[in-house]
Amino acid sequence: MPNAIDRLFEHVYRIPSVPDVVCRLIRELTVPDANLHDLAREVARDPAITMKVLRLVNSAYYGLPRRLTAIDEAVLTLGVDKLTTIIIASGMVATVPQMQGFDLRGYWMQSFRRASYAKGIAALAAGVDPNTAFTCGLIADFGRLLLRMANPSAAERIDSAVAGGGHRQTWERAELGYSTAQVAAELCRRWRFPEELQRGVAQCAEPLTFADFDPLSAVVHLAGHLAELRAESAAPHEIVGFLPAHVAARLGLGEAQLQQIAYRVYDSESGLEGLAA
């Protein structure tokens, strides 16, 4: 018998499908010494992603001395780490259709911030792969998109309650019987993403409520707070007092590290804004 989350998926008019090259990258995020030329060949097989990648790397943000016209040039110019980030983000953006009455651009801009901050925080936290943290941060809110596709009226009621100061997970469980973090984790399972990523997505909203502490989920949780503060235009010197210090402490991050995050990570730009156009 299908559970409540299964029934939600039955009502999604188009369950997002991730391009093959993006799935491959995500499954192999922690594989050392990725071959740059193999990566270029894989990306070149998807014309839509190739076009988005080249458009982005030729943008003013990267300030390249000449325009790149081939994906293998982008690999060699940017390096595998930056290109992996761009490909994953491009592929994820392509999975979601426009939805009437929903600010999809605003959603992606906030997701890019969270993902970028998660990657930066992971570089300071032991045992968390930065590219995995980026991916987890990027898709952590996918459950909200699926809820809006399947049950827009419920999504709007929950969003209104949260805008009034309500706790999202509390309202989701009261309205739906589950959280959208669980929905996003189920989507990751259906995409056959690594269990580490599934767990990080499932737990990032409330990382200290689970018996087994997951560092990845804590990194993304902190990144989410940073993204919200950024959206509120808080200044870097103001934000440390608003971050959940108890979560940071479980990652071994004290006040000095939080200050470093505030000034090094918080003001950084993802360079992905052009994908949300």
Protein backbone atom coordinates (compact mmCIF):
# COMPACT_ATOMS: atom_id res chain seq x y z
CA MET A 1 0.00 0.00 0.00
CA PRO A 2 1.49 3.37 -0.98
CA ASN A 3 2.34 5.75 1.84
CA ALA A 4 1.60 9.49 1.88
CA ILE A 5 4.83 10.42 0.10
CA ASP A 6 4.21 7.81 -2.62
CA ARG A 7 0.75 9.30 -3.13
CA LEU A 8 2.28 12.75 -3.54
CA PHE A 9 4.54 11.44 -6.29
CA GLU A 10 1.48 9.96 -8.02
CA HIS A 11 0.05 13.49 -8.27
CA VAL A 12 3.20 15.17 -9.61
CA TYR A 13 2.41 15.98 -13.24
CA ARG A 14 6.04 15.57 -14.28
CA ILE A 15 8.55 13.99 -11.95
CA PRO A 16 11.92 15.65 -12.66
CA SER A 17 14.36 13.56 -14.68
CA VAL A 18 18.10 14.22 -14.30
CA PRO A 19 20.32 14.12 -17.41
CA ASP A 20 22.58 11.07 -17.55
CA VAL A 21 25.81 13.05 -17.37
CA VAL A 22 24.65 14.79 -14.19
CA CYS A 23 23.69 11.48 -12.58
CA ARG A 24 27.11 10.10 -13.43
CA LEU A 25 28.89 13.09 -11.94
CA ILE A 26 26.88 12.98 -8.74
CA ARG A 27 27.46 9.26 -8.27
CA GLU A 28 31.20 9.74 -8.73
CA LEU A 29 31.70 12.96 -6.78
CA THR A 30 34.20 11.44 -4.40
CA VAL A 31 36.13 9.47 -7.03
CA PRO A 32 39.69 10.89 -7.12
CA ASP A 33 41.54 11.86 -10.28
CA ALA A 34 38.53 12.31 -12.54
CA ASN A 35 39.64 12.33 -16.18
CA LEU A 36 39.06 15.78 -17.69
CA HIS A 37 38.75 14.57 -21.26
CA ASP A 38 36.26 11.84 -20.31
CA LEU A 39 34.21 14.48 -18.55
CA ALA A 40 34.25 16.70 -21.63
CA ARG A 41 33.06 13.86 -23.85
CA GLU A 42 30.24 13.05 -21.44
CA VAL A 43 29.05 16.66 -21.27
CA ALA A 44 29.25 17.08 -25.06
CA ARG A 45 26.68 14.28 -25.47
CA ASP A 46 24.01 16.55 -23.95
CA PRO A 47 23.58 19.59 -26.25
CA ALA A 48 21.34 21.46 -23.80
CA ILE A 49 23.85 21.27 -20.96
CA THR A 50 26.73 22.04 -23.34
CA MET A 51 24.98 25.23 -24.44
CA LYS A 52 24.28 26.33 -20.85
CA VAL A 53 27.81 25.56 -19.70
CA LEU A 54 29.41 27.52 -22.54
CA ARG A 55 27.04 30.44 -22.06
CA LEU A 56 27.90 30.60 -18.38
CA VAL A 57 31.67 30.22 -18.69
CA ASN A 58 31.71 32.98 -21.31
CA SER A 59 29.83 35.36 -19.00
CA ALA A 60 31.41 38.42 -17.41
CA TYR A 61 31.68 36.61 -14.08
CA TYR A 62 34.53 34.39 -15.29
CA GLY A 63 36.25 37.15 -17.27
CA LEU A 64 38.02 34.82 -19.70
CA PRO A 65 40.41 36.46 -22.16
CA ARG A 66 38.69 34.87 -25.14
CA ARG A 67 35.37 33.25 -25.90
CA LEU A 68 35.29 29.45 -25.55
CA THR A 69 33.41 27.53 -28.22
CA ALA A 70 33.99 23.90 -27.18
CA ILE A 71 33.31 22.05 -23.94
CA ASP A 72 36.79 20.53 -23.77
CA GLU A 73 38.23 24.07 -23.73
CA ALA A 74 36.00 24.86 -20.75
CA VAL A 75 37.25 21.75 -18.93
CA LEU A 76 40.88 22.70 -19.42
CA THR A 77 40.33 26.39 -18.66
CA LEU A 78 38.17 26.12 -15.54
CA GLY A 79 39.31 22.78 -14.14
CA VAL A 80 37.22 19.79 -13.15
CA ASP A 81 36.06 21.21 -9.81
CA LYS A 82 34.45 24.38 -11.16
CA LEU A 83 33.07 22.64 -14.21
CA THR A 84 31.52 19.88 -12.11
CA THR A 85 29.65 22.53 -10.12
CA ILE A 86 28.39 24.22 -13.29
CA ILE A 87 27.28 20.95 -14.91
CA ILE A 88 25.39 19.75 -11.84
CA ALA A 89 23.65 23.11 -11.44
CA SER A 90 22.80 23.27 -15.17
CA GLY A 91 21.35 19.77 -15.11
CA MET A 92 19.26 20.41 -12.02
CA VAL A 93 17.82 23.66 -13.36
CA ALA A 94 16.78 21.81 -16.51
CA THR A 95 14.74 19.29 -14.50
CA VAL A 96 12.15 21.76 -13.24
CA PRO A 97 9.41 23.26 -15.44
CA GLN A 98 7.96 26.74 -14.98
CA MET A 99 5.08 26.86 -12.51
CA GLN A 100 2.36 29.46 -12.65
CA GLY A 101 2.41 31.83 -9.70
CA PHE A 102 5.78 30.59 -8.42
CA ASP A 103 9.00 32.60 -8.47
CA LEU A 104 11.23 29.88 -9.90
CA ARG A 105 14.11 32.29 -10.54
CA GLY A 106 14.03 33.39 -6.90
CA TYR A 107 13.98 29.76 -5.83
CA TRP A 108 17.10 28.95 -7.87
CA MET A 109 18.96 32.05 -6.73
CA GLN A 110 18.44 31.00 -3.12
CA SER A 111 19.38 27.40 -3.92
CA PHE A 112 22.59 28.57 -5.61
CA ARG A 113 23.48 30.59 -2.54
CA ARG A 114 22.86 27.67 -0.19
CA ALA A 115 24.83 25.29 -2.39
CA SER A 116 27.74 27.70 -2.74
CA TYR A 117 27.85 28.36 1.00
CA ALA A 118 27.65 24.62 1.72
CA LYS A 119 30.68 24.03 -0.49
CA GLY A 120 32.60 26.77 1.32
CA ILE A 121 31.67 25.51 4.79
CA ALA A 122 32.58 21.93 3.84
CA ALA A 123 36.11 23.10 3.08
CA LEU A 124 36.38 24.04 6.78
CA ALA A 125 34.57 21.01 8.23
CA ALA A 126 36.34 17.68 8.52
CA GLY A 127 34.99 14.71 6.60
CA VAL A 128 32.60 16.50 4.24
CA ASP A 129 33.30 16.53 0.49
CA PRO A 130 32.73 20.08 -0.84
CA ASN A 131 31.15 18.99 -4.14
CA THR A 132 28.80 16.62 -2.33
CA ALA A 133 27.88 19.47 0.01
CA PHE A 134 27.23 21.71 -2.99
CA THR A 135 24.92 19.12 -4.55
CA CYS A 136 23.10 18.48 -1.29
CA GLY A 137 22.59 22.21 -0.79
CA LEU A 138 21.32 22.60 -4.33
CA ILE A 139 18.60 19.94 -4.05
CA ALA A 140 17.73 20.24 -0.36
CA ASP A 141 14.51 22.14 -1.15
CA PHE A 142 13.39 20.04 -4.11
CA GLY A 143 10.60 18.62 -1.96
CA ARG A 144 8.97 22.04 -1.90
CA LEU A 145 8.92 22.08 -5.70
CA LEU A 146 7.31 18.65 -5.86
CA LEU A 147 4.71 19.64 -3.28
CA ARG A 148 3.84 22.71 -5.35
CA MET A 149 3.48 20.52 -8.46
CA ALA A 150 1.27 17.99 -6.68
CA ASN A 151 -0.67 20.13 -4.20
CA PRO A 152 -0.22 23.88 -4.83
CA SER A 153 -2.92 24.92 -2.35
CA ALA A 154 -1.19 23.08 0.51
CA ALA A 155 2.16 24.53 -0.55
CA GLU A 156 0.73 28.05 -0.47
CA ARG A 157 -0.84 27.55 2.98
CA ILE A 158 2.47 26.30 4.38
CA ASP A 159 4.45 29.12 2.74
CA SER A 160 2.03 31.67 4.20
CA ALA A 161 2.37 30.17 7.67
CA VAL A 162 6.17 30.20 7.43
CA ALA A 163 6.15 33.81 6.19
CA GLY A 164 4.19 34.66 9.35
CA GLY A 165 6.90 33.18 11.54
CA GLY A 166 5.94 29.51 11.61
CA HIS A 167 8.42 26.62 11.65
CA ARG A 168 8.32 24.98 8.22
CA GLN A 169 8.79 21.37 9.30
CA THR A 170 6.11 21.72 12.00
CA TRP A 171 3.59 23.12 9.54
CA GLU A 172 4.44 20.54 6.89
CA ARG A 173 3.93 17.64 9.27
CA ALA A 174 0.67 19.12 10.55
CA GLU A 175 -0.65 19.73 7.03
CA LEU A 176 0.81 16.71 5.21
CA GLY A 177 1.99 14.15 7.74
CA TYR A 178 5.57 14.39 6.44
CA SER A 179 8.21 17.01 5.65
CA THR A 180 9.32 18.15 2.23
CA ALA A 181 12.86 17.15 3.27
CA GLN A 182 11.60 13.56 3.28
CA VAL A 183 10.10 14.12 -0.16
CA ALA A 184 13.43 15.42 -1.50
CA ALA A 185 15.24 12.42 -0.01
CA GLU A 186 12.78 10.05 -1.67
CA LEU A 187 13.39 11.80 -4.99
CA CYS A 188 17.14 11.28 -4.51
CA ARG A 189 16.46 7.60 -3.84
CA ARG A 190 14.45 7.33 -7.06
CA TRP A 191 17.29 9.06 -8.90
CA ARG A 192 19.61 6.42 -7.41
CA PHE A 193 21.87 9.04 -5.89
CA PRO A 194 24.39 7.87 -3.26
CA GLU A 195 23.00 7.04 0.19
CA GLU A 196 25.22 9.76 1.68
CA LEU A 197 23.39 12.34 -0.39
CA GLN A 198 19.96 10.89 0.38
CA ARG A 199 20.73 11.05 4.11
CA GLY A 200 22.10 14.59 3.93
CA VAL A 201 18.98 15.84 2.15
CA ALA A 202 16.65 14.01 4.56
CA GLN A 203 18.32 15.36 7.70
CA CYS A 204 19.54 18.85 6.77
CA ALA A 205 16.42 20.66 8.00
CA GLU A 206 16.85 19.30 11.55
CA PRO A 207 20.31 17.69 11.74
CA LEU A 208 20.48 17.30 15.53
CA THR A 209 17.19 15.43 15.87
CA PHE A 210 18.59 12.19 14.45
CA ALA A 211 20.33 9.53 16.52
CA ASP A 212 23.34 9.34 14.20
CA PHE A 213 24.84 12.76 13.56
CA ASP A 214 25.47 13.40 9.86
CA PRO A 215 28.10 16.11 9.17
CA LEU A 216 26.89 16.69 5.60
CA SER A 217 23.38 17.56 6.80
CA ALA A 218 24.81 19.95 9.41
CA VAL A 219 26.90 21.74 6.77
CA VAL A 220 23.85 22.23 4.55
CA HIS A 221 21.80 23.34 7.56
CA LEU A 222 24.32 26.10 8.31
CA ALA A 223 24.42 27.04 4.63
CA GLY A 224 20.64 27.38 4.62
CA HIS A 225 20.79 29.85 7.52
CA LEU A 226 23.44 31.84 5.67
CA ALA A 227 21.32 31.94 2.52
CA GLU A 228 18.31 33.21 4.46
CA LEU A 229 20.40 35.91 6.16
CA ARG A 230 21.81 36.93 2.79
CA ALA A 231 18.29 37.25 1.41
CA GLU A 232 17.49 39.55 4.33
CA SER A 233 20.55 41.68 3.45
CA ALA A 234 22.24 41.17 6.81
CA ALA A 235 25.85 42.37 6.92
CA PRO A 236 28.66 39.81 7.42
CA HIS A 237 29.63 41.20 10.83
CA GLU A 238 26.03 40.75 12.03
CA ILE A 239 25.41 37.16 11.08
CA VAL A 240 27.50 35.09 13.51
CA GLY A 241 25.06 35.68 16.35
CA PHE A 242 22.21 34.35 14.20
CA LEU A 243 23.88 31.08 13.20
CA PRO A 244 23.01 27.90 15.14
CA ALA A 245 26.18 27.60 17.21
CA HIS A 246 25.15 24.18 18.56
CA VAL A 247 25.11 22.78 15.02
CA ALA A 248 28.43 24.43 14.17
CA ALA A 249 29.95 23.01 17.36
CA ARG A 250 29.07 19.46 16.30
CA LEU A 251 31.13 20.13 13.16
CA GLY A 252 34.03 21.39 15.26
CA LEU A 253 33.47 24.97 14.11
CA GLY A 254 33.90 27.57 16.83
CA GLU A 255 33.38 31.32 16.78
CA ALA A 256 36.64 31.96 14.92
CA GLN A 257 35.60 29.60 12.12
CA LEU A 258 32.12 31.12 12.00
CA GLN A 259 33.71 34.55 11.60
CA GLN A 260 35.82 33.17 8.78
CA ILE A 261 32.69 31.76 7.14
CA ALA A 262 30.94 35.10 7.56
CA TYR A 263 33.62 37.03 5.73
CA ARG A 264 34.98 34.46 3.27
CA VAL A 265 31.92 32.44 2.31
CA TYR A 266 28.97 34.71 3.00
CA ASP A 267 30.05 37.44 0.58
CA SER A 268 31.03 35.03 -2.19
CA GLU A 269 29.07 34.76 -5.43
CA SER A 270 28.24 31.37 -6.89
CA GLY A 271 28.69 32.51 -10.50
CA LEU A 272 25.60 30.48 -11.38
CA GLU A 273 23.07 33.30 -11.49
CA GLY A 274 22.91 33.18 -15.29
CA LEU A 275 21.38 29.70 -15.13
CA ALA A 276 18.28 31.03 -13.41
CA ALA A 277 17.47 33.47 -16.22
